[in-house]
């Protein structure tokens, strides 16, 4: 029961992380469009938050996806051997 609660909590965090990454992707597209129109403040802000905020979010998303895939593969492999 305790493991299920922890897993649910981690799943919620990862879903929130996914949507935050999507929001930053939309903000990046907006920043590029604004840069083409002569407003560089948005792209400058995006560059400032790239290393401290966005890269860790993307890394967490990719690592959790790979971990989930490996975990599912191992679970299916374990069930097929039974």
N, C-alpha and C. Protein backbone atom coordinates (compact mmCIF):
# COMPACT_ATOMS: atom_id res chain seq x y z
N UNK A 1 0.82 -1.19 0.00
CA UNK A 1 0.00 0.00 0.00
C UNK A 1 0.87 1.27 0.00
N UNK A 2 1.94 1.26 0.79
CA UNK A 2 2.82 2.41 0.88
C UNK A 2 3.55 2.64 -0.45
N UNK A 3 3.96 1.54 -1.09
CA UNK A 3 4.66 1.66 -2.36
C UNK A 3 3.73 2.23 -3.43
N UNK A 4 2.47 1.88 -3.39
CA UNK A 4 1.50 2.39 -4.35
C UNK A 4 1.34 3.91 -4.20
N UNK A 5 1.30 4.39 -2.96
CA UNK A 5 1.18 5.83 -2.72
C UNK A 5 2.41 6.56 -3.24
N UNK A 6 3.59 6.00 -3.01
CA UNK A 6 4.82 6.62 -3.48
C UNK A 6 4.84 6.64 -5.00
N UNK A 7 4.44 5.53 -5.62
CA UNK A 7 4.41 5.45 -7.07
C UNK A 7 3.42 6.45 -7.65
N UNK A 8 2.25 6.58 -7.04
CA UNK A 8 1.26 7.56 -7.50
C UNK A 8 1.78 8.98 -7.38
N UNK A 9 2.48 9.27 -6.28
CA UNK A 9 3.06 10.60 -6.09
C UNK A 9 4.10 10.89 -7.17
N UNK A 10 4.97 9.94 -7.44
CA UNK A 10 5.99 10.12 -8.48
C UNK A 10 5.34 10.29 -9.84
N UNK A 11 4.30 9.52 -10.12
CA UNK A 11 3.60 9.65 -11.39
C UNK A 11 2.99 11.04 -11.55
N UNK A 12 2.43 11.58 -10.48
CA UNK A 12 1.86 12.92 -10.54
C UNK A 12 2.93 13.98 -10.80
N UNK A 13 4.07 13.82 -10.16
CA UNK A 13 5.19 14.75 -10.37
C UNK A 13 5.65 14.69 -11.82
N UNK A 14 5.74 13.50 -12.38
CA UNK A 14 6.20 13.35 -13.76
C UNK A 14 5.19 13.90 -14.76
N UNK A 15 3.92 13.78 -14.47
CA UNK A 15 2.89 14.37 -15.35
C UNK A 15 2.99 15.89 -15.32
N UNK A 16 3.15 16.44 -14.14
CA UNK A 16 3.32 17.89 -14.01
C UNK A 16 4.59 18.33 -14.75
N UNK A 17 5.66 17.57 -14.60
CA UNK A 17 6.92 17.86 -15.29
C UNK A 17 6.71 17.87 -16.80
N UNK A 18 5.96 16.90 -17.32
CA UNK A 18 5.70 16.82 -18.75
C UNK A 18 4.99 18.08 -19.25
N UNK A 19 3.98 18.52 -18.53
CA UNK A 19 3.25 19.70 -18.96
C UNK A 19 4.09 20.98 -18.83
N UNK A 20 4.95 21.03 -17.85
CA UNK A 20 5.86 22.18 -17.72
C UNK A 20 6.82 22.23 -18.91
N UNK A 21 7.32 21.08 -19.33
CA UNK A 21 8.20 21.02 -20.50
C UNK A 21 7.44 21.48 -21.75
N UNK A 22 6.19 21.05 -21.89
CA UNK A 22 5.37 21.48 -23.03
C UNK A 22 5.17 23.00 -23.01
N UNK A 23 4.91 23.55 -21.83
CA UNK A 23 4.72 25.00 -21.71
C UNK A 23 5.99 25.75 -22.10
N UNK A 24 7.15 25.25 -21.66
CA UNK A 24 8.40 25.90 -22.03
C UNK A 24 8.68 25.76 -23.52
N UNK A 25 8.27 24.66 -24.14
CA UNK A 25 8.44 24.51 -25.58
C UNK A 25 7.59 25.54 -26.32
N UNK A 26 6.38 25.75 -25.86
CA UNK A 26 5.51 26.77 -26.46
C UNK A 26 6.10 28.16 -26.25
N UNK A 27 6.65 28.39 -25.07
CA UNK A 27 7.28 29.68 -24.79
C UNK A 27 8.49 29.90 -25.70
N UNK A 28 9.24 28.83 -25.98
CA UNK A 28 10.39 28.94 -26.88
C UNK A 28 9.94 29.33 -28.28
N UNK A 29 8.88 28.69 -28.78
CA UNK A 29 8.36 29.03 -30.10
C UNK A 29 7.89 30.49 -30.12
N UNK A 30 7.19 30.91 -29.07
CA UNK A 30 6.77 32.30 -28.94
C UNK A 30 7.99 33.23 -28.94
N UNK A 31 9.04 32.85 -28.23
CA UNK A 31 10.26 33.67 -28.15
C UNK A 31 10.92 33.82 -29.51
N UNK A 32 10.95 32.75 -30.28
CA UNK A 32 11.54 32.81 -31.62
C UNK A 32 10.72 33.75 -32.51
N UNK A 33 9.41 33.64 -32.45
CA UNK A 33 8.55 34.51 -33.25
C UNK A 33 8.75 35.97 -32.84
N UNK A 34 8.84 36.22 -31.56
CA UNK A 34 9.05 37.60 -31.09
C UNK A 34 10.45 38.11 -31.48
N UNK A 35 11.43 37.23 -31.48
CA UNK A 35 12.78 37.62 -31.90
C UNK A 35 12.78 38.02 -33.38
N UNK A 36 12.03 37.30 -34.18
CA UNK A 36 11.94 37.64 -35.61
C UNK A 36 11.23 38.98 -35.82
N UNK A 37 10.39 39.37 -34.87
CA UNK A 37 9.69 40.65 -34.96
C UNK A 37 10.43 41.78 -34.26
N UNK A 38 11.63 41.49 -33.73
CA UNK A 38 12.45 42.54 -33.15
C UNK A 38 12.40 42.67 -31.64
N UNK A 39 11.71 41.78 -30.97
CA UNK A 39 11.65 41.81 -29.50
C UNK A 39 12.51 40.67 -28.94
N UNK A 40 13.70 41.00 -28.51
CA UNK A 40 14.63 39.96 -28.09
C UNK A 40 14.55 39.64 -26.60
N UNK A 41 13.74 40.36 -25.85
CA UNK A 41 13.68 40.18 -24.40
C UNK A 41 13.21 38.76 -24.02
N UNK A 42 12.28 38.20 -24.78
CA UNK A 42 11.75 36.88 -24.46
C UNK A 42 12.79 35.79 -24.69
N UNK A 43 13.50 35.89 -25.79
CA UNK A 43 14.54 34.90 -26.06
C UNK A 43 15.71 35.04 -25.08
N UNK A 44 16.02 36.25 -24.70
CA UNK A 44 17.07 36.46 -23.68
C UNK A 44 16.67 35.83 -22.35
N UNK A 45 15.40 35.99 -21.98
CA UNK A 45 14.92 35.37 -20.75
C UNK A 45 14.98 33.85 -20.86
N UNK A 46 14.58 33.32 -22.01
CA UNK A 46 14.63 31.87 -22.21
C UNK A 46 16.06 31.35 -22.09
N UNK A 47 17.00 32.08 -22.64
CA UNK A 47 18.42 31.67 -22.55
C UNK A 47 18.91 31.70 -21.10
N UNK A 48 18.41 32.64 -20.31
CA UNK A 48 18.82 32.72 -18.90
C UNK A 48 18.30 31.55 -18.08
N UNK A 49 17.11 31.06 -18.40
CA UNK A 49 16.55 29.96 -17.61
C UNK A 49 16.84 28.59 -18.22
N UNK A 50 17.54 28.54 -19.35
CA UNK A 50 17.82 27.29 -20.03
C UNK A 50 18.61 26.32 -19.15
N UNK A 51 19.80 26.72 -18.70
CA UNK A 51 20.64 25.81 -17.91
C UNK A 51 20.10 25.51 -16.51
N UNK A 52 19.69 26.51 -15.75
CA UNK A 52 19.28 26.17 -14.38
C UNK A 52 17.91 25.53 -14.24
N UNK A 53 17.03 25.67 -15.24
CA UNK A 53 15.67 25.20 -15.07
C UNK A 53 15.22 24.20 -16.14
N UNK A 54 15.38 24.55 -17.39
CA UNK A 54 14.80 23.74 -18.46
C UNK A 54 15.57 22.44 -18.70
N UNK A 55 16.88 22.49 -18.70
CA UNK A 55 17.65 21.26 -18.92
C UNK A 55 17.38 20.22 -17.84
N UNK A 56 17.35 20.56 -16.54
CA UNK A 56 16.99 19.54 -15.55
C UNK A 56 15.58 18.96 -15.75
N UNK A 57 14.62 19.80 -16.16
CA UNK A 57 13.27 19.30 -16.41
C UNK A 57 13.25 18.30 -17.57
N UNK A 58 13.95 18.64 -18.65
CA UNK A 58 14.01 17.74 -19.80
C UNK A 58 14.75 16.46 -19.44
N UNK A 59 15.83 16.58 -18.68
CA UNK A 59 16.59 15.40 -18.27
C UNK A 59 15.74 14.47 -17.41
N UNK A 60 15.00 15.03 -16.48
CA UNK A 60 14.12 14.23 -15.64
C UNK A 60 13.07 13.52 -16.48
N UNK A 61 12.52 14.21 -17.46
CA UNK A 61 11.50 13.62 -18.34
C UNK A 61 12.07 12.46 -19.14
N UNK A 62 13.25 12.63 -19.72
CA UNK A 62 13.86 11.58 -20.53
C UNK A 62 14.27 10.39 -19.67
N UNK A 63 14.90 10.64 -18.53
CA UNK A 63 15.34 9.55 -17.66
C UNK A 63 14.14 8.76 -17.14
N UNK A 64 13.08 9.45 -16.76
CA UNK A 64 11.90 8.74 -16.26
C UNK A 64 11.23 7.93 -17.36
N UNK A 65 11.24 8.42 -18.59
CA UNK A 65 10.67 7.66 -19.71
C UNK A 65 11.48 6.40 -19.98
N UNK A 66 12.80 6.52 -19.98
CA UNK A 66 13.65 5.36 -20.20
C UNK A 66 13.49 4.36 -19.06
N UNK A 67 13.45 4.86 -17.83
CA UNK A 67 13.28 3.98 -16.68
C UNK A 67 11.94 3.25 -16.74
N UNK A 68 10.90 3.95 -17.13
CA UNK A 68 9.58 3.34 -17.24
C UNK A 68 9.57 2.26 -18.31
N UNK A 69 10.20 2.53 -19.43
CA UNK A 69 10.28 1.54 -20.50
C UNK A 69 11.04 0.30 -20.09
N UNK A 70 12.17 0.47 -19.43
CA UNK A 70 12.96 -0.66 -18.97
C UNK A 70 12.19 -1.45 -17.91
N UNK A 71 11.53 -0.74 -17.02
CA UNK A 71 10.75 -1.39 -15.98
C UNK A 71 9.61 -2.21 -16.59
N UNK A 72 8.90 -1.66 -17.56
CA UNK A 72 7.82 -2.39 -18.22
C UNK A 72 8.34 -3.62 -18.95
N UNK A 73 9.48 -3.46 -19.62
CA UNK A 73 10.07 -4.57 -20.34
C UNK A 73 10.47 -5.70 -19.38
N UNK A 74 11.06 -5.33 -18.25
CA UNK A 74 11.45 -6.35 -17.27
C UNK A 74 10.24 -7.03 -16.65
N UNK A 75 9.17 -6.26 -16.42
CA UNK A 75 7.95 -6.84 -15.85
C UNK A 75 7.32 -7.84 -16.84
N UNK A 76 7.26 -7.47 -18.12
CA UNK A 76 6.71 -8.38 -19.13
C UNK A 76 7.57 -9.61 -19.29
N UNK A 77 8.86 -9.43 -19.24
CA UNK A 77 9.79 -10.56 -19.36
C UNK A 77 9.64 -11.51 -18.19
N UNK A 78 9.44 -10.96 -16.99
CA UNK A 78 9.25 -11.77 -15.79
C UNK A 78 7.96 -12.54 -15.84
N UNK A 79 6.90 -11.94 -16.38
CA UNK A 79 5.61 -12.61 -16.46
C UNK A 79 5.61 -13.69 -17.55
N UNK A 80 6.36 -13.48 -18.61
CA UNK A 80 6.36 -14.47 -19.70
C UNK A 80 7.15 -15.73 -19.32
N UNK A 81 8.11 -15.60 -18.41
CA UNK A 81 8.89 -16.75 -17.99
C UNK A 81 8.15 -17.64 -16.99
N UNK A 82 7.10 -17.10 -16.36
CA UNK A 82 6.34 -17.88 -15.38
C UNK A 82 5.49 -18.92 -15.99
